[in-house]
N, C-alpha and C. Protein backbone atom coordinates (compact mmCIF):
# COMPACT_ATOMS: atom_id res chain seq x y z
N MET A 1 -9.26 15.50 15.12
CA MET A 1 -9.89 14.20 15.09
C MET A 1 -9.07 13.27 14.20
N SER A 2 -8.82 12.09 14.67
CA SER A 2 -8.03 11.11 13.93
C SER A 2 -8.92 10.25 13.05
N ALA A 3 -8.37 9.86 11.91
CA ALA A 3 -9.09 8.97 11.00
C ALA A 3 -8.80 7.53 11.39
N LEU A 4 -9.78 6.70 11.17
CA LEU A 4 -9.66 5.27 11.47
C LEU A 4 -9.46 4.52 10.15
N LEU A 5 -8.28 3.87 10.02
CA LEU A 5 -7.94 3.16 8.79
C LEU A 5 -7.86 1.66 9.05
N LEU A 6 -8.27 0.88 8.07
CA LEU A 6 -8.13 -0.57 8.12
C LEU A 6 -6.97 -0.96 7.21
N HIS A 7 -6.05 -1.76 7.72
CA HIS A 7 -4.85 -2.16 6.98
C HIS A 7 -5.16 -3.41 6.16
N SER A 8 -4.87 -3.37 4.88
CA SER A 8 -5.20 -4.50 4.00
C SER A 8 -4.41 -5.76 4.31
N VAL A 9 -3.27 -5.63 5.01
CA VAL A 9 -2.49 -6.82 5.37
C VAL A 9 -3.35 -7.80 6.18
N SER A 10 -4.35 -7.26 6.87
CA SER A 10 -5.25 -8.10 7.67
C SER A 10 -6.07 -9.06 6.81
N TYR A 11 -6.16 -8.76 5.52
CA TYR A 11 -6.95 -9.59 4.61
C TYR A 11 -6.11 -10.13 3.45
N ALA A 12 -4.80 -10.21 3.65
CA ALA A 12 -3.92 -10.68 2.58
C ALA A 12 -3.73 -12.19 2.58
N GLY A 13 -4.18 -12.85 3.62
CA GLY A 13 -4.05 -14.30 3.69
C GLY A 13 -2.63 -14.78 3.97
N LEU A 14 -1.76 -13.89 4.43
CA LEU A 14 -0.36 -14.25 4.63
C LEU A 14 -0.15 -15.20 5.79
N TRP A 15 -1.03 -15.16 6.77
CA TRP A 15 -0.86 -16.00 7.97
C TRP A 15 -2.07 -16.90 8.20
N GLY A 16 -2.76 -17.22 7.13
CA GLY A 16 -3.90 -18.12 7.25
C GLY A 16 -5.22 -17.43 7.55
N GLN A 17 -5.20 -16.10 7.63
CA GLN A 17 -6.45 -15.38 7.89
C GLN A 17 -7.26 -15.23 6.61
N ALA A 18 -8.40 -14.56 6.71
CA ALA A 18 -9.26 -14.35 5.55
C ALA A 18 -8.49 -13.67 4.43
N THR A 19 -8.80 -14.05 3.21
CA THR A 19 -8.15 -13.46 2.04
C THR A 19 -9.19 -12.74 1.21
N LEU A 20 -8.94 -11.45 0.98
CA LEU A 20 -9.80 -10.65 0.12
C LEU A 20 -8.95 -9.98 -0.94
N SER A 21 -9.50 -9.83 -2.13
CA SER A 21 -8.83 -9.03 -3.15
C SER A 21 -8.85 -7.58 -2.69
N VAL A 22 -8.12 -6.73 -3.36
CA VAL A 22 -8.11 -5.31 -2.99
C VAL A 22 -9.51 -4.72 -3.10
N ASP A 23 -10.21 -5.02 -4.18
CA ASP A 23 -11.57 -4.49 -4.34
C ASP A 23 -12.50 -5.00 -3.24
N GLN A 24 -12.42 -6.27 -2.90
CA GLN A 24 -13.23 -6.82 -1.81
C GLN A 24 -12.85 -6.18 -0.48
N PHE A 25 -11.56 -5.95 -0.27
CA PHE A 25 -11.10 -5.32 0.96
C PHE A 25 -11.66 -3.90 1.09
N ILE A 26 -11.65 -3.15 0.01
CA ILE A 26 -12.17 -1.78 0.05
C ILE A 26 -13.65 -1.79 0.42
N ALA A 27 -14.41 -2.69 -0.18
CA ALA A 27 -15.83 -2.81 0.15
C ALA A 27 -16.01 -3.19 1.63
N LYS A 28 -15.18 -4.08 2.14
CA LYS A 28 -15.26 -4.51 3.53
C LYS A 28 -14.93 -3.35 4.47
N ALA A 29 -13.91 -2.57 4.16
CA ALA A 29 -13.54 -1.43 5.00
C ALA A 29 -14.69 -0.43 5.07
N ALA A 30 -15.34 -0.18 3.95
CA ALA A 30 -16.48 0.73 3.93
C ALA A 30 -17.65 0.15 4.73
N GLU A 31 -17.91 -1.13 4.53
CA GLU A 31 -18.99 -1.82 5.25
C GLU A 31 -18.78 -1.74 6.76
N LEU A 32 -17.54 -1.85 7.20
CA LEU A 32 -17.23 -1.81 8.63
C LEU A 32 -17.19 -0.39 9.20
N GLY A 33 -17.32 0.62 8.34
CA GLY A 33 -17.39 2.00 8.80
C GLY A 33 -16.06 2.72 8.97
N PHE A 34 -15.02 2.22 8.35
CA PHE A 34 -13.71 2.89 8.45
C PHE A 34 -13.71 4.16 7.61
N ASP A 35 -12.84 5.11 7.99
CA ASP A 35 -12.69 6.37 7.26
C ASP A 35 -11.83 6.18 6.01
N GLY A 36 -10.97 5.19 6.05
CA GLY A 36 -10.07 4.97 4.95
C GLY A 36 -9.33 3.66 5.12
N VAL A 37 -8.27 3.51 4.32
CA VAL A 37 -7.53 2.26 4.32
C VAL A 37 -6.02 2.51 4.30
N MET A 38 -5.29 1.53 4.80
CA MET A 38 -3.85 1.46 4.63
C MET A 38 -3.63 0.28 3.69
N LEU A 39 -3.13 0.57 2.51
CA LEU A 39 -2.96 -0.46 1.50
C LEU A 39 -1.55 -1.03 1.54
N MET A 40 -1.46 -2.32 1.66
CA MET A 40 -0.19 -3.03 1.66
C MET A 40 0.43 -2.92 0.26
N ALA A 41 1.57 -2.22 0.18
CA ALA A 41 2.20 -1.96 -1.12
C ALA A 41 3.15 -3.09 -1.51
N LYS A 42 2.58 -4.28 -1.58
CA LYS A 42 3.30 -5.45 -2.07
C LYS A 42 2.26 -6.50 -2.44
N ARG A 43 2.69 -7.51 -3.13
CA ARG A 43 1.77 -8.57 -3.51
C ARG A 43 1.36 -9.34 -2.27
N PRO A 44 0.12 -9.77 -2.18
CA PRO A 44 -0.87 -9.88 -3.24
C PRO A 44 -1.78 -8.66 -3.39
N HIS A 45 -1.49 -7.56 -2.72
CA HIS A 45 -2.39 -6.41 -2.81
C HIS A 45 -1.92 -5.37 -3.83
N VAL A 46 -1.25 -4.34 -3.43
CA VAL A 46 -0.99 -3.21 -4.34
C VAL A 46 0.50 -3.03 -4.60
N SER A 47 1.07 -3.95 -5.32
CA SER A 47 2.48 -3.86 -5.69
C SER A 47 2.67 -2.78 -6.74
N VAL A 48 3.71 -1.98 -6.59
CA VAL A 48 4.00 -0.96 -7.61
C VAL A 48 4.34 -1.59 -8.95
N LEU A 49 4.69 -2.87 -8.96
CA LEU A 49 4.96 -3.58 -10.21
C LEU A 49 3.69 -3.92 -10.96
N ASP A 50 2.59 -4.02 -10.25
CA ASP A 50 1.32 -4.44 -10.84
C ASP A 50 0.35 -3.29 -11.12
N TYR A 51 0.57 -2.15 -10.49
CA TYR A 51 -0.38 -1.05 -10.57
C TYR A 51 0.17 0.10 -11.40
N GLY A 52 -0.17 0.06 -12.69
CA GLY A 52 0.16 1.16 -13.60
C GLY A 52 -0.92 2.22 -13.52
N SER A 53 -0.92 3.14 -14.44
CA SER A 53 -1.86 4.26 -14.37
C SER A 53 -3.32 3.80 -14.48
N ARG A 54 -3.61 2.83 -15.30
CA ARG A 54 -4.99 2.34 -15.45
C ARG A 54 -5.48 1.69 -14.15
N GLU A 55 -4.64 0.84 -13.57
CA GLU A 55 -5.02 0.16 -12.33
C GLU A 55 -5.15 1.15 -11.18
N ARG A 56 -4.28 2.13 -11.15
CA ARG A 56 -4.34 3.16 -10.10
C ARG A 56 -5.62 3.98 -10.21
N ALA A 57 -6.00 4.33 -11.44
CA ALA A 57 -7.23 5.10 -11.65
C ALA A 57 -8.45 4.29 -11.22
N ALA A 58 -8.47 3.01 -11.55
CA ALA A 58 -9.60 2.16 -11.15
C ALA A 58 -9.66 2.01 -9.63
N LEU A 59 -8.50 1.86 -8.99
CA LEU A 59 -8.45 1.74 -7.53
C LEU A 59 -8.92 3.03 -6.88
N ARG A 60 -8.46 4.16 -7.38
CA ARG A 60 -8.89 5.45 -6.82
C ARG A 60 -10.41 5.61 -6.96
N SER A 61 -10.95 5.22 -8.09
CA SER A 61 -12.39 5.28 -8.32
C SER A 61 -13.13 4.43 -7.29
N GLY A 62 -12.61 3.24 -7.01
CA GLY A 62 -13.23 2.37 -6.01
C GLY A 62 -13.19 2.97 -4.62
N LEU A 63 -12.08 3.59 -4.26
CA LEU A 63 -11.97 4.26 -2.96
C LEU A 63 -12.98 5.39 -2.86
N GLU A 64 -13.10 6.18 -3.92
CA GLU A 64 -14.05 7.29 -3.93
C GLU A 64 -15.48 6.80 -3.89
N ARG A 65 -15.79 5.76 -4.66
CA ARG A 65 -17.14 5.19 -4.69
C ARG A 65 -17.58 4.71 -3.30
N HIS A 66 -16.63 4.18 -2.54
CA HIS A 66 -16.93 3.68 -1.20
C HIS A 66 -16.72 4.75 -0.12
N ARG A 67 -16.44 5.96 -0.56
CA ARG A 67 -16.28 7.11 0.35
C ARG A 67 -15.18 6.88 1.40
N LEU A 68 -14.12 6.23 0.99
CA LEU A 68 -12.96 6.05 1.85
C LEU A 68 -12.00 7.18 1.54
N THR A 69 -12.04 8.21 2.35
CA THR A 69 -11.35 9.46 2.04
C THR A 69 -9.92 9.52 2.58
N GLU A 70 -9.58 8.67 3.50
CA GLU A 70 -8.24 8.67 4.08
C GLU A 70 -7.46 7.48 3.53
N LEU A 71 -6.20 7.72 3.17
CA LEU A 71 -5.41 6.68 2.54
C LEU A 71 -3.96 6.74 3.01
N CYS A 72 -3.43 5.59 3.32
CA CYS A 72 -2.01 5.43 3.60
C CYS A 72 -1.50 4.27 2.77
N VAL A 73 -0.36 4.45 2.16
CA VAL A 73 0.30 3.37 1.43
C VAL A 73 1.35 2.78 2.37
N ALA A 74 1.25 1.49 2.63
CA ALA A 74 2.16 0.82 3.56
C ALA A 74 3.32 0.22 2.79
N GLY A 75 4.48 0.83 2.93
CA GLY A 75 5.68 0.35 2.27
C GLY A 75 6.43 -0.65 3.13
N TYR A 76 7.25 -1.42 2.50
CA TYR A 76 8.08 -2.42 3.17
C TYR A 76 9.52 -2.20 2.70
N CYS A 77 10.18 -1.26 3.35
CA CYS A 77 11.50 -0.81 2.94
C CYS A 77 12.58 -1.41 3.82
N ASN A 78 13.76 -1.54 3.24
CA ASN A 78 14.91 -2.00 4.00
C ASN A 78 16.15 -1.35 3.39
N LEU A 79 16.51 -0.20 3.94
CA LEU A 79 17.62 0.57 3.39
C LEU A 79 18.98 0.00 3.77
N THR A 80 19.03 -0.99 4.64
CA THR A 80 20.31 -1.58 5.03
C THR A 80 20.46 -3.02 4.56
N ALA A 81 19.64 -3.43 3.63
CA ALA A 81 19.65 -4.82 3.16
C ALA A 81 20.95 -5.16 2.45
N ASP A 82 21.50 -6.29 2.83
CA ASP A 82 22.61 -6.89 2.10
C ASP A 82 23.78 -5.95 1.87
N LEU A 83 24.16 -5.20 2.90
CA LEU A 83 25.24 -4.23 2.76
C LEU A 83 26.59 -4.86 2.45
N GLU A 84 26.76 -6.16 2.74
CA GLU A 84 28.04 -6.79 2.44
C GLU A 84 28.31 -6.95 0.94
N HIS A 85 27.28 -6.71 0.13
CA HIS A 85 27.43 -6.77 -1.33
C HIS A 85 27.30 -5.36 -1.90
N GLY A 86 28.33 -4.56 -1.68
CA GLY A 86 28.32 -3.16 -2.08
C GLY A 86 28.18 -2.92 -3.57
N GLU A 87 28.48 -3.93 -4.37
CA GLU A 87 28.39 -3.75 -5.82
C GLU A 87 26.94 -3.81 -6.32
N VAL A 88 26.05 -4.31 -5.48
CA VAL A 88 24.63 -4.38 -5.84
C VAL A 88 23.97 -3.10 -5.34
N PRO A 89 23.23 -2.39 -6.18
CA PRO A 89 22.68 -1.09 -5.80
C PRO A 89 21.41 -1.18 -4.94
N HIS A 90 21.54 -1.83 -3.78
CA HIS A 90 20.36 -2.02 -2.93
C HIS A 90 19.74 -0.70 -2.48
N ARG A 91 20.57 0.25 -2.07
CA ARG A 91 20.01 1.53 -1.62
C ARG A 91 19.25 2.22 -2.75
N GLU A 92 19.82 2.20 -3.94
CA GLU A 92 19.15 2.82 -5.08
C GLU A 92 17.81 2.13 -5.38
N ILE A 93 17.80 0.83 -5.25
CA ILE A 93 16.56 0.08 -5.47
C ILE A 93 15.52 0.48 -4.42
N GLN A 94 15.94 0.58 -3.17
CA GLN A 94 15.02 0.98 -2.10
C GLN A 94 14.52 2.41 -2.28
N VAL A 95 15.42 3.31 -2.66
CA VAL A 95 15.02 4.71 -2.89
C VAL A 95 14.01 4.78 -4.03
N HIS A 96 14.23 4.00 -5.08
CA HIS A 96 13.28 3.98 -6.19
C HIS A 96 11.91 3.44 -5.71
N TYR A 97 11.93 2.41 -4.91
CA TYR A 97 10.69 1.84 -4.36
C TYR A 97 9.95 2.90 -3.53
N ILE A 98 10.65 3.61 -2.68
CA ILE A 98 10.03 4.64 -1.85
C ILE A 98 9.45 5.75 -2.72
N THR A 99 10.17 6.12 -3.77
CA THR A 99 9.67 7.13 -4.70
C THR A 99 8.38 6.65 -5.36
N GLU A 100 8.35 5.39 -5.77
CA GLU A 100 7.14 4.82 -6.38
C GLU A 100 5.99 4.75 -5.39
N LEU A 101 6.29 4.50 -4.13
CA LEU A 101 5.23 4.51 -3.10
C LEU A 101 4.61 5.90 -3.00
N ALA A 102 5.43 6.93 -3.04
CA ALA A 102 4.92 8.30 -2.98
C ALA A 102 4.06 8.61 -4.21
N ARG A 103 4.50 8.16 -5.37
CA ARG A 103 3.70 8.36 -6.58
C ARG A 103 2.38 7.61 -6.50
N LEU A 104 2.43 6.39 -5.98
CA LEU A 104 1.21 5.59 -5.82
C LEU A 104 0.23 6.30 -4.90
N ALA A 105 0.71 6.76 -3.75
CA ALA A 105 -0.16 7.48 -2.80
C ALA A 105 -0.78 8.69 -3.48
N HIS A 106 0.01 9.45 -4.19
CA HIS A 106 -0.49 10.63 -4.90
C HIS A 106 -1.57 10.26 -5.91
N ASP A 107 -1.29 9.25 -6.71
CA ASP A 107 -2.24 8.83 -7.75
C ASP A 107 -3.55 8.31 -7.18
N LEU A 108 -3.51 7.79 -5.95
CA LEU A 108 -4.72 7.27 -5.31
C LEU A 108 -5.44 8.34 -4.50
N GLY A 109 -4.90 9.56 -4.48
CA GLY A 109 -5.53 10.65 -3.75
C GLY A 109 -5.08 10.78 -2.32
N GLY A 110 -4.02 10.09 -1.96
CA GLY A 110 -3.52 10.14 -0.59
C GLY A 110 -2.25 10.95 -0.49
N SER A 111 -1.80 11.13 0.74
CA SER A 111 -0.58 11.91 0.96
C SER A 111 0.30 11.29 2.04
N LEU A 112 0.01 10.05 2.41
CA LEU A 112 0.75 9.42 3.50
C LEU A 112 1.34 8.09 3.04
N VAL A 113 2.65 7.94 3.29
CA VAL A 113 3.35 6.69 3.01
C VAL A 113 3.99 6.23 4.30
N ARG A 114 3.74 5.00 4.66
CA ARG A 114 4.38 4.40 5.83
C ARG A 114 5.54 3.55 5.33
N GLY A 115 6.72 3.83 5.83
CA GLY A 115 7.88 3.02 5.47
C GLY A 115 8.21 2.10 6.63
N LEU A 116 8.52 0.89 6.35
CA LEU A 116 8.89 -0.07 7.39
C LEU A 116 10.33 -0.43 7.17
N HIS A 117 11.16 -0.03 8.09
CA HIS A 117 12.59 -0.28 7.97
C HIS A 117 12.97 -1.39 8.94
N ARG A 118 13.56 -2.39 8.43
CA ARG A 118 14.03 -3.50 9.26
C ARG A 118 15.54 -3.52 9.27
N VAL A 119 16.10 -3.69 10.41
CA VAL A 119 17.55 -3.75 10.54
C VAL A 119 17.97 -5.16 10.89
């Protein structure tokens, strides 16, 4: 049986749609009957720059309180970005970001990271 997840990008306000904070989004996903959420791992939602251990613990508590048991962290990766500037460590930066996404998923009780690679 597959889990039904709601993606937070739908409520990020990026394209003029409804804007909800992460906490409001979690409550909405539970209200709508979803099994879990896919959290957009960038601002304005769950950037690895903004979510330290305290914020991660509070977010995990909110997911558990709303009984959202399935979790995916939606990454926005680009391993081929700006290759013409070889002196800039773009790949290392991307690898570090992907590593942080995995840590974020783990800390939130999840085990799935979606990477989005754009060429």
